[in-house]
Amino acid sequence: MQSWYLLYCKRGQLQRAQEHLERQAVNCLAPMITLEKIVRGKRTAVSEPLFPNYLFVEFDPEVIHTTTINATRGVSHFVRFGASPSDSPIGGDSSAIGI
């Protein structure tokens, strides 16, 4: 059964991790936020990650093992509470996050 998990990515490699995971048929979600910042004296819209270095992934651990995900380029580790990776509160309802 597919569930959502939370990964911590290596610094500056969120995009790389997302690309490599999507090649492995893993659904990825990195919420972005658009902010107005002053760059060189002008206001510009900048898109930044809402949770820097964190990536939500949806996969079935019986099909794709967690060590495969953990060994992907750009991935540091799973967010865990205890010995096993914890499911995120998103659950199986992808509509709750706007996918």
PDB file of N, CA and C in Angstrom:
ATOM      1  N   MET A   1       0.834  -1.175   0.000  1.00  0.00           N
ATOM      2  CA  MET A   1       0.000   0.000   0.000  1.00  0.00           C
ATOM      3  C   MET A   1       0.887   1.250   0.000  1.00  0.00           C
ATOM      4  N   GLN A   2       0.586   2.176  -0.891  1.00  0.00           N
ATOM      5  CA  GLN A   2       1.384   3.387  -0.987  1.00  0.00           C
ATOM      6  C   GLN A   2       1.094   4.325   0.174  1.00  0.00           C
ATOM      7  N   SER A   3       2.159   4.895   0.706  1.00  0.00           N
ATOM      8  CA  SER A   3       2.050   5.867   1.792  1.00  0.00           C
ATOM      9  C   SER A   3       3.015   7.008   1.518  1.00  0.00           C
ATOM     10  N   TRP A   4       2.771   8.130   2.184  1.00  0.00           N
ATOM     11  CA  TRP A   4       3.646   9.289   2.069  1.00  0.00           C
ATOM     12  C   TRP A   4       4.673   9.240   3.186  1.00  0.00           C
ATOM     13  N   TYR A   5       5.922   9.527   2.838  1.00  0.00           N
ATOM     14  CA  TYR A   5       7.023   9.575   3.793  1.00  0.00           C
ATOM     15  C   TYR A   5       7.752  10.902   3.618  1.00  0.00           C
ATOM     16  N   LEU A   6       8.550  11.254   4.597  1.00  0.00           N
ATOM     17  CA  LEU A   6       9.296  12.503   4.549  1.00  0.00           C
ATOM     18  C   LEU A   6      10.787  12.200   4.487  1.00  0.00           C
ATOM     19  N   LEU A   7      11.455  12.797   3.495  1.00  0.00           N
ATOM     20  CA  LEU A   7      12.893  12.633   3.325  1.00  0.00           C
ATOM     21  C   LEU A   7      13.603  13.936   3.654  1.00  0.00           C
ATOM     22  N   TYR A   8      14.804  13.820   4.179  1.00  0.00           N
ATOM     23  CA  TYR A   8      15.673  14.978   4.327  1.00  0.00           C
ATOM     24  C   TYR A   8      16.745  14.841   3.255  1.00  0.00           C
ATOM     25  N   CYS A   9      16.908  15.882   2.451  1.00  0.00           N
ATOM     26  CA  CYS A   9      17.863  15.858   1.345  1.00  0.00           C
ATOM     27  C   CYS A   9      19.142  16.582   1.732  1.00  0.00           C
ATOM     28  N   LYS A  10      20.204  16.245   1.025  1.00  0.00           N
ATOM     29  CA  LYS A  10      21.476  16.925   1.239  1.00  0.00           C
ATOM     30  C   LYS A  10      21.338  18.387   0.844  1.00  0.00           C
ATOM     31  N   ARG A  11      22.112  19.239   1.488  1.00  0.00           N
ATOM     32  CA  ARG A  11      22.012  20.677   1.262  1.00  0.00           C
ATOM     33  C   ARG A  11      22.223  21.021  -0.212  1.00  0.00           C
ATOM     34  N   GLY A  12      21.259  21.732  -0.785  1.00  0.00           N
ATOM     35  CA  GLY A  12      21.352  22.180  -2.168  1.00  0.00           C
ATOM     36  C   GLY A  12      21.062  21.115  -3.206  1.00  0.00           C
ATOM     37  N   GLN A  13      20.610  19.926  -2.798  1.00  0.00           N
ATOM     38  CA  GLN A  13      20.395  18.840  -3.745  1.00  0.00           C
ATOM     39  C   GLN A  13      18.945  18.363  -3.774  1.00  0.00           C
ATOM     40  N   LEU A  14      18.031  19.216  -3.371  1.00  0.00           N
ATOM     41  CA  LEU A  14      16.612  18.860  -3.376  1.00  0.00           C
ATOM     42  C   LEU A  14      16.138  18.547  -4.789  1.00  0.00           C
ATOM     43  N   GLN A  15      16.516  19.384  -5.750  1.00  0.00           N
ATOM     44  CA  GLN A  15      16.095  19.202  -7.137  1.00  0.00           C
ATOM     45  C   GLN A  15      16.668  17.908  -7.703  1.00  0.00           C
ATOM     46  N   ARG A  16      17.939  17.620  -7.412  1.00  0.00           N
ATOM     47  CA  ARG A  16      18.580  16.397  -7.893  1.00  0.00           C
ATOM     48  C   ARG A  16      17.873  15.164  -7.327  1.00  0.00           C
ATOM     49  N   ALA A  17      17.582  15.182  -6.037  1.00  0.00           N
ATOM     50  CA  ALA A  17      16.903  14.052  -5.409  1.00  0.00           C
ATOM     51  C   ALA A  17      15.526  13.842  -6.029  1.00  0.00           C
ATOM     52  N   GLN A  18      14.798  14.926  -6.264  1.00  0.00           N
ATOM     53  CA  GLN A  18      13.462  14.824  -6.842  1.00  0.00           C
ATOM     54  C   GLN A  18      13.524  14.234  -8.250  1.00  0.00           C
ATOM     55  N   GLU A  19      14.462  14.665  -9.065  1.00  0.00           N
ATOM     56  CA  GLU A  19      14.595  14.139 -10.426  1.00  0.00           C
ATOM     57  C   GLU A  19      14.908  12.647 -10.412  1.00  0.00           C
ATOM     58  N   HIS A  20      15.846  12.225  -9.576  1.00  0.00           N
ATOM     59  CA  HIS A  20      16.231  10.813  -9.527  1.00  0.00           C
ATOM     60  C   HIS A  20      15.111   9.940  -8.968  1.00  0.00           C
ATOM     61  N   LEU A  21      14.368  10.440  -7.995  1.00  0.00           N
ATOM     62  CA  LEU A  21      13.255   9.662  -7.447  1.00  0.00           C
ATOM     63  C   LEU A  21      12.122   9.531  -8.457  1.00  0.00           C
ATOM     64  N   GLU A  22      11.845  10.587  -9.217  1.00  0.00           N
ATOM     65  CA  GLU A  22      10.787  10.512 -10.223  1.00  0.00           C
ATOM     66  C   GLU A  22      11.150   9.532 -11.331  1.00  0.00           C
ATOM     67  N   ARG A  23      12.442   9.365 -11.622  1.00  0.00           N
ATOM     68  CA  ARG A  23      12.880   8.353 -12.591  1.00  0.00           C
ATOM     69  C   ARG A  23      12.606   6.942 -12.084  1.00  0.00           C
ATOM     70  N   GLN A  24      12.525   6.785 -10.766  1.00  0.00           N
ATOM     71  CA  GLN A  24      12.245   5.484 -10.156  1.00  0.00           C
ATOM     72  C   GLN A  24      10.749   5.278  -9.924  1.00  0.00           C
ATOM     73  N   ALA A  25       9.915   6.128 -10.517  1.00  0.00           N
ATOM     74  CA  ALA A  25       8.450   6.054 -10.407  1.00  0.00           C
ATOM     75  C   ALA A  25       7.968   6.303  -8.977  1.00  0.00           C
ATOM     76  N   VAL A  26       8.611   7.247  -8.286  1.00  0.00           N
ATOM     77  CA  VAL A  26       8.207   7.646  -6.940  1.00  0.00           C
ATOM     78  C   VAL A  26       7.583   9.031  -7.041  1.00  0.00           C
ATOM     79  N   ASN A  27       6.362   9.187  -6.523  1.00  0.00           N
ATOM     80  CA  ASN A  27       5.720  10.505  -6.513  1.00  0.00           C
ATOM     81  C   ASN A  27       6.423  11.396  -5.499  1.00  0.00           C
ATOM     82  N   CYS A  28       6.742  12.618  -5.911  1.00  0.00           N
ATOM     83  CA  CYS A  28       7.458  13.556  -5.048  1.00  0.00           C
ATOM     84  C   CYS A  28       6.679  14.849  -4.912  1.00  0.00           C
ATOM     85  N   LEU A  29       6.815  15.470  -3.760  1.00  0.00           N
ATOM     86  CA  LEU A  29       6.178  16.754  -3.512  1.00  0.00           C
ATOM     87  C   LEU A  29       7.129  17.624  -2.694  1.00  0.00           C
ATOM     88  N   ALA A  30       7.477  18.773  -3.273  1.00  0.00           N
ATOM     89  CA  ALA A  30       8.291  19.767  -2.578  1.00  0.00           C
ATOM     90  C   ALA A  30       7.521  21.075  -2.644  1.00  0.00           C
ATOM     91  N   PRO A  31       6.698  21.373  -1.638  1.00  0.00           N
ATOM     92  CA  PRO A  31       5.889  22.593  -1.677  1.00  0.00           C
ATOM     93  C   PRO A  31       6.759  23.838  -1.818  1.00  0.00           C
ATOM     94  N   MET A  32       6.357  24.710  -2.730  1.00  0.00           N
ATOM     95  CA  MET A  32       7.093  25.951  -2.987  1.00  0.00           C
ATOM     96  C   MET A  32       6.229  27.140  -2.585  1.00  0.00           C
ATOM     97  N   ILE A  33       6.883  28.233  -2.239  1.00  0.00           N
ATOM     98  CA  ILE A  33       6.196  29.466  -1.891  1.00  0.00           C
ATOM     99  C   ILE A  33       6.832  30.595  -2.703  1.00  0.00           C
ATOM    100  N   THR A  34       5.998  31.495  -3.193  1.00  0.00           N
ATOM    101  CA  THR A  34       6.491  32.636  -3.952  1.00  0.00           C
ATOM    102  C   THR A  34       6.557  33.849  -3.036  1.00  0.00           C
ATOM    103  N   LEU A  35       7.726  34.423  -2.944  1.00  0.00           N
ATOM    104  CA  LEU A  35       7.963  35.586  -2.094  1.00  0.00           C
ATOM    105  C   LEU A  35       8.453  36.749  -2.940  1.00  0.00           C
ATOM    106  N   GLU A  36       8.172  37.950  -2.481  1.00  0.00           N
ATOM    107  CA  GLU A  36       8.732  39.133  -3.126  1.00  0.00           C
ATOM    108  C   GLU A  36       9.969  39.550  -2.352  1.00  0.00           C
ATOM    109  N   LYS A  37      11.089  39.591  -3.061  1.00  0.00           N
ATOM    110  CA  LYS A  37      12.340  40.007  -2.439  1.00  0.00           C
ATOM    111  C   LYS A  37      12.922  41.166  -3.224  1.00  0.00           C
ATOM    112  N   ILE A  38      13.746  41.927  -2.554  1.00  0.00           N
ATOM    113  CA  ILE A  38      14.421  43.028  -3.222  1.00  0.00           C
ATOM    114  C   ILE A  38      15.786  42.521  -3.685  1.00  0.00           C
ATOM    115  N   VAL A  39      15.952  42.472  -5.016  1.00  0.00           N
ATOM    116  CA  VAL A  39      17.195  42.025  -5.625  1.00  0.00           C
ATOM    117  C   VAL A  39      17.725  43.162  -6.485  1.00  0.00           C
ATOM    118  N   ARG A  40      18.915  43.633  -6.156  1.00  0.00           N
ATOM    119  CA  ARG A  40      19.548  44.755  -6.869  1.00  0.00           C
ATOM    120  C   ARG A  40      18.650  45.984  -6.904  1.00  0.00           C
ATOM    121  N   GLY A  41      17.965  46.228  -5.810  1.00  0.00           N
ATOM    122  CA  GLY A  41      17.124  47.415  -5.685  1.00  0.00           C
ATOM    123  C   GLY A  41      15.749  47.302  -6.312  1.00  0.00           C
ATOM    124  N   LYS A  42      15.397  46.132  -6.862  1.00  0.00           N
ATOM    125  CA  LYS A  42      14.081  45.953  -7.485  1.00  0.00           C
ATOM    126  C   LYS A  42      13.352  44.799  -6.815  1.00  0.00           C
ATOM    127  N   ARG A  43      12.043  44.922  -6.750  1.00  0.00           N
ATOM    128  CA  ARG A  43      11.229  43.832  -6.205  1.00  0.00           C
ATOM    129  C   ARG A  43      11.052  42.761  -7.280  1.00  0.00           C
ATOM    130  N   THR A  44      11.356  41.538  -6.905  1.00  0.00           N
ATOM    131  CA  THR A  44      11.170  40.421  -7.821  1.00  0.00           C
ATOM    132  C   THR A  44      10.501  39.276  -7.077  1.00  0.00           C
ATOM    133  N   ALA A  45       9.731  38.493  -7.821  1.00  0.00           N
ATOM    134  CA  ALA A  45       9.080  37.314  -7.248  1.00  0.00           C
ATOM    135  C   ALA A  45      10.069  36.150  -7.295  1.00  0.00           C
ATOM    136  N   VAL A  46      10.301  35.550  -6.140  1.00  0.00           N
ATOM    137  CA  VAL A  46      11.244  34.445  -6.019  1.00  0.00           C
ATOM    138  C   VAL A  46      10.497  33.239  -5.469  1.00  0.00           C
ATOM    139  N   SER A  47      10.696  32.084  -6.090  1.00  0.00           N
ATOM    140  CA  SER A  47      10.075  30.849  -5.630  1.00  0.00           C
ATOM    141  C   SER A  47      11.087  30.085  -4.777  1.00  0.00           C
ATOM    142  N   GLU A  48      10.698  29.772  -3.540  1.00  0.00           N
ATOM    143  CA  GLU A  48      11.569  29.059  -2.610  1.00  0.00           C
ATOM    144  C   GLU A  48      10.817  27.879  -2.011  1.00  0.00           C
ATOM    145  N   PRO A  49      11.550  26.840  -1.587  1.00  0.00           N
ATOM    146  CA  PRO A  49      10.887  25.713  -0.925  1.00  0.00           C
ATOM    147  C   PRO A  49      10.246  26.148   0.394  1.00  0.00           C
ATOM    148  N   LEU A  50       9.044  25.671   0.644  1.00  0.00           N
ATOM    149  CA  LEU A  50       8.360  25.967   1.898  1.00  0.00           C
ATOM    150  C   LEU A  50       9.088  25.305   3.073  1.00  0.00           C
ATOM    151  N   PHE A  51       9.577  24.085   2.834  1.00  0.00           N
ATOM    152  CA  PHE A  51      10.360  23.346   3.830  1.00  0.00           C
ATOM    153  C   PHE A  51      11.719  23.036   3.208  1.00  0.00           C
ATOM    154  N   PRO A  52      12.712  23.900   3.373  1.00  0.00           N
ATOM    155  CA  PRO A  52      14.008  23.682   2.725  1.00  0.00           C
ATOM    156  C   PRO A  52      14.614  22.328   3.092  1.00  0.00           C
ATOM    157  N   ASN A  53      15.091  21.630   2.084  1.00  0.00           N
ATOM    158  CA  ASN A  53      15.766  20.329   2.193  1.00  0.00           C
ATOM    159  C   ASN A  53      14.839  19.166   2.550  1.00  0.00           C
ATOM    160  N   TYR A  54      13.533  19.384   2.652  1.00  0.00           N
ATOM    161  CA  TYR A  54      12.602  18.296   2.938  1.00  0.00           C
ATOM    162  C   TYR A  54      11.782  17.972   1.698  1.00  0.00           C
ATOM    163  N   LEU A  55      11.541  16.680   1.474  1.00  0.00           N
ATOM    164  CA  LEU A  55      10.819  16.219   0.302  1.00  0.00           C
ATOM    165  C   LEU A  55       9.823  15.143   0.723  1.00  0.00           C
ATOM    166  N   PHE A  56       8.556  15.323   0.371  1.00  0.00           N
ATOM    167  CA  PHE A  56       7.540  14.308   0.608  1.00  0.00           C
ATOM    168  C   PHE A  56       7.569  13.326  -0.552  1.00  0.00           C
ATOM    169  N   VAL A  57       7.562  12.036  -0.262  1.00  0.00           N
ATOM    170  CA  VAL A  57       7.571  11.007  -1.303  1.00  0.00           C
ATOM    171  C   VAL A  57       6.466   9.998  -1.029  1.00  0.00           C
ATOM    172  N   GLU A  58       5.858   9.502  -2.101  1.00  0.00           N
ATOM    173  CA  GLU A  58       4.811   8.488  -1.991  1.00  0.00           C
ATOM    174  C   GLU A  58       5.264   7.255  -2.750  1.00  0.00           C
ATOM    175  N   PHE A  59       5.341   6.136  -2.038  1.00  0.00           N
ATOM    176  CA  PHE A  59       5.713   4.873  -2.669  1.00  0.00           C
ATOM    177  C   PHE A  59       5.249   3.721  -1.796  1.00  0.00           C
ATOM    178  N   ASP A  60       5.303   2.525  -2.374  1.00  0.00           N
ATOM    179  CA  ASP A  60       4.943   1.310  -1.652  1.00  0.00           C
ATOM    180  C   ASP A  60       6.234   0.625  -1.214  1.00  0.00           C
ATOM    181  N   PRO A  61       6.515   0.535   0.083  1.00  0.00           N
ATOM    182  CA  PRO A  61       7.767  -0.073   0.533  1.00  0.00           C
ATOM    183  C   PRO A  61       7.892  -1.556   0.205  1.00  0.00           C
ATOM    184  N   GLU A  62       6.792  -2.201  -0.162  1.00  0.00           N
ATOM    185  CA  GLU A  62       6.870  -3.599  -0.574  1.00  0.00           C
ATOM    186  C   GLU A  62       7.316  -3.725  -2.026  1.00  0.00           C
ATOM    187  N   VAL A  63       7.181  -2.652  -2.810  1.00  0.00           N
ATOM    188  CA  VAL A  63       7.591  -2.654  -4.215  1.00  0.00           C
ATOM    189  C   VAL A  63       8.975  -2.023  -4.364  1.00  0.00           C
ATOM    190  N   ILE A  64       9.156  -0.844  -3.796  1.00  0.00           N
ATOM    191  CA  ILE A  64      10.440  -0.143  -3.818  1.00  0.00           C
ATOM    192  C   ILE A  64      10.935  -0.091  -2.375  1.00  0.00           C
ATOM    193  N   HIS A  65      12.044  -0.753  -2.114  1.00  0.00           N
ATOM    194  CA  HIS A  65      12.539  -0.839  -0.740  1.00  0.00           C
ATOM    195  C   HIS A  65      13.080   0.510  -0.271  1.00  0.00           C
ATOM    196  N   THR A  66      13.002   0.742   1.030  1.00  0.00           N
ATOM    197  CA  THR A  66      13.446   2.021   1.589  1.00  0.00           C
ATOM    198  C   THR A  66      14.946   2.240   1.410  1.00  0.00           C
ATOM    199  N   THR A  67      15.736   1.167   1.333  1.00  0.00           N
ATOM    200  CA  THR A  67      17.171   1.347   1.106  1.00  0.00           C
ATOM    201  C   THR A  67      17.446   1.866  -0.301  1.00  0.00           C
ATOM    202  N   THR A  68      16.594   1.520  -1.256  1.00  0.00           N
ATOM    203  CA  THR A  68      16.733   2.054  -2.612  1.00  0.00           C
ATOM    204  C   THR A  68      16.497   3.552  -2.604  1.00  0.00           C
ATOM    205  N   ILE A  69      15.477   3.990  -1.885  1.00  0.00           N
ATOM    206  CA  ILE A  69      15.177   5.421  -1.782  1.00  0.00           C
ATOM    207  C   ILE A  69      16.310   6.133  -1.049  1.00  0.00           C
ATOM    208  N   ASN A  70      16.784   5.536   0.028  1.00  0.00           N
ATOM    209  CA  ASN A  70      17.833   6.143   0.845  1.00  0.00           C
ATOM    210  C   ASN A  70      19.158   6.259   0.090  1.00  0.00           C
ATOM    211  N   ALA A  71      19.403   5.364  -0.877  1.00  0.00           N
ATOM    212  CA  ALA A  71      20.646   5.367  -1.649  1.00  0.00           C
ATOM    213  C   ALA A  71      20.575   6.270  -2.878  1.00  0.00           C
ATOM    214  N   THR A  72      19.451   6.930  -3.091  1.00  0.00           N
ATOM    215  CA  THR A  72      19.283   7.808  -4.247  1.00  0.00           C
ATOM    216  C   THR A  72      20.139   9.058  -4.081  1.00  0.00           C
ATOM    217  N   ARG A  73      20.714   9.524  -5.193  1.00  0.00           N
ATOM    218  CA  ARG A  73      21.560  10.725  -5.163  1.00  0.00           C
ATOM    219  C   ARG A  73      20.774  11.922  -4.640  1.00  0.00           C
ATOM    220  N   GLY A  74      21.361  12.634  -3.721  1.00  0.00           N
ATOM    221  CA  GLY A  74      20.740  13.824  -3.158  1.00  0.00           C
ATOM    222  C   GLY A  74      19.965  13.578  -1.877  1.00  0.00           C
ATOM    223  N   VAL A  75      19.635  12.322  -1.590  1.00  0.00           N
ATOM    224  CA  VAL A  75      18.864  11.988  -0.385  1.00  0.00           C
ATOM    225  C   VAL A  75      19.825  11.757   0.778  1.00  0.00           C
ATOM    226  N   SER A  76      19.535  12.364   1.914  1.00  0.00           N
ATOM    227  CA  SER A  76      20.347  12.153   3.104  1.00  0.00           C
ATOM    228  C   SER A  76      19.774  10.999   3.932  1.00  0.00           C
ATOM    229  N   HIS A  77      18.503  11.127   4.351  1.00  0.00           N
ATOM    230  CA  HIS A  77      17.884  10.077   5.156  1.00  0.00           C
ATOM    231  C   HIS A  77      16.373  10.307   5.271  1.00  0.00           C
ATOM    232  N   PHE A  78      15.687   9.278   5.742  1.00  0.00           N
ATOM    233  CA  PHE A  78      14.266   9.380   6.055  1.00  0.00           C
ATOM    234  C   PHE A  78      14.106  10.081   7.397  1.00  0.00           C
ATOM    235  N   VAL A  79      13.021  10.809   7.558  1.00  0.00           N
ATOM    236  CA  VAL A  79      12.669  11.344   8.870  1.00  0.00           C
ATOM    237  C   VAL A  79      12.016  10.193   9.619  1.00  0.00           C
ATOM    238  N   ARG A  80      12.575   9.851  10.770  1.00  0.00           N
ATOM    239  CA  ARG A  80      12.129   8.674  11.522  1.00  0.00           C
ATOM    240  C   ARG A  80      11.711   9.057  12.935  1.00  0.00           C
ATOM    241  N   PHE A  81      10.796   8.282  13.452  1.00  0.00           N
ATOM    242  CA  PHE A  81      10.438   8.334  14.864  1.00  0.00           C
ATOM    243  C   PHE A  81      10.558   6.907  15.359  1.00  0.00           C
ATOM    244  N   GLY A  82      11.732   6.545  15.846  1.00  0.00           N
ATOM    245  CA  GLY A  82      12.006   5.174  16.218  1.00  0.00           C
ATOM    246  C   GLY A  82      12.840   4.504  15.140  1.00  0.00           C
ATOM    247  N   ALA A  83      12.619   3.207  14.950  1.00  0.00           N
ATOM    248  CA  ALA A  83      13.452   2.440  14.029  1.00  0.00           C
ATOM    249  C   ALA A  83      13.005   2.518  12.575  1.00  0.00           C
ATOM    250  N   SER A  84      11.730   2.735  12.335  1.00  0.00           N
ATOM    251  CA  SER A  84      11.244   2.712  10.953  1.00  0.00           C
ATOM    252  C   SER A  84      10.796   4.098  10.502  1.00  0.00           C
ATOM    253  N   PRO A  85      10.854   4.345   9.176  1.00  0.00           N
ATOM    254  CA  PRO A  85      10.385   5.636   8.660  1.00  0.00           C
ATOM    255  C   PRO A  85       8.918   5.851   9.003  1.00  0.00           C
ATOM    256  N   SER A  86       8.577   7.055   9.374  1.00  0.00           N
ATOM    257  CA  SER A  86       7.201   7.328   9.779  1.00  0.00           C
ATOM    258  C   SER A  86       6.374   7.798   8.594  1.00  0.00           C
ATOM    259  N   ASP A  87       5.119   7.350   8.550  1.00  0.00           N
ATOM    260  CA  ASP A  87       4.176   7.837   7.543  1.00  0.00           C
ATOM    261  C   ASP A  87       3.855   9.282   7.865  1.00  0.00           C
ATOM    262  N   SER A  88       3.619  10.062   6.829  1.00  0.00           N
ATOM    263  CA  SER A  88       3.216  11.444   7.076  1.00  0.00           C
ATOM    264  C   SER A  88       1.713  11.488   7.306  1.00  0.00           C
ATOM    265  N   PRO A  89       1.206  12.539   7.920  1.00  0.00           N
ATOM    266  CA  PRO A  89      -0.232  12.625   8.188  1.00  0.00           C
ATOM    267  C   PRO A  89      -1.073  12.822   6.935  1.00  0.00           C
ATOM    268  N   ILE A  90      -0.431  12.954   5.773  1.00  0.00           N
ATOM    269  CA  ILE A  90      -1.180  13.111   4.528  1.00  0.00           C
ATOM    270  C   ILE A  90      -1.997  11.860   4.264  1.00  0.00           C
ATOM    271  N   GLY A  91      -1.450  10.705   4.638  1.00  0.00           N
ATOM    272  CA  GLY A  91      -2.146   9.449   4.420  1.00  0.00           C
ATOM    273  C   GLY A  91      -2.200   9.104   2.950  1.00  0.00           C
ATOM    274  N   GLY A  92      -3.265   8.444   2.511  1.00  0.00           N
ATOM    275  CA  GLY A  92      -3.384   8.035   1.123  1.00  0.00           C
ATOM    276  C   GLY A  92      -4.171   8.995   0.278  1.00  0.00           C
ATOM    277  N   ASP A  93      -4.662  10.085   0.848  1.00  0.00           N
ATOM    278  CA  ASP A  93      -5.509  11.018   0.117  1.00  0.00           C
ATOM    279  C   ASP A  93      -4.667  12.114  -0.517  1.00  0.00           C
ATOM    280  N   SER A  94      -4.339  11.945  -1.804  1.00  0.00           N
ATOM    281  CA  SER A  94      -3.520  12.928  -2.511  1.00  0.00           C
ATOM    282  C   SER A  94      -4.264  14.225  -2.754  1.00  0.00           C
ATOM    283  N   SER A  95      -5.589  14.190  -2.736  1.00  0.00           N
ATOM    284  CA  SER A  95      -6.357  15.409  -2.984  1.00  0.00           C
ATOM    285  C   SER A  95      -6.210  16.405  -1.833  1.00  0.00           C
ATOM    286  N   ALA A  96      -5.806  15.922  -0.661  1.00  0.00           N
ATOM    287  CA  ALA A  96      -5.648  16.805   0.494  1.00  0.00           C
ATOM    288  C   ALA A  96      -4.488  17.780   0.312  1.00  0.00           C
ATOM    289  N   ILE A  97      -3.545  17.419  -0.568  1.00  0.00           N
ATOM    290  CA  ILE A  97      -2.396  18.292  -0.781  1.00  0.00           C
ATOM    291  C   ILE A  97      -2.406  18.936  -2.156  1.00  0.00           C
ATOM    292  N   GLY A  98      -3.449  18.738  -2.893  1.00  0.00           N
ATOM    293  CA  GLY A  98      -3.593  19.432  -4.169  1.00  0.00           C
ATOM    294  C   GLY A  98      -2.893  18.783  -5.340  1.00  0.00           C
ATOM    295  N   ILE A  99      -2.691  17.481  -5.312  1.00  0.00           N
ATOM    296  CA  ILE A  99      -2.057  16.795  -6.449  1.00  0.00           C
ATOM    297  C   ILE A  99      -3.112  16.405  -7.452  1.00  0.00           C
TER     298      ILE A  99
END
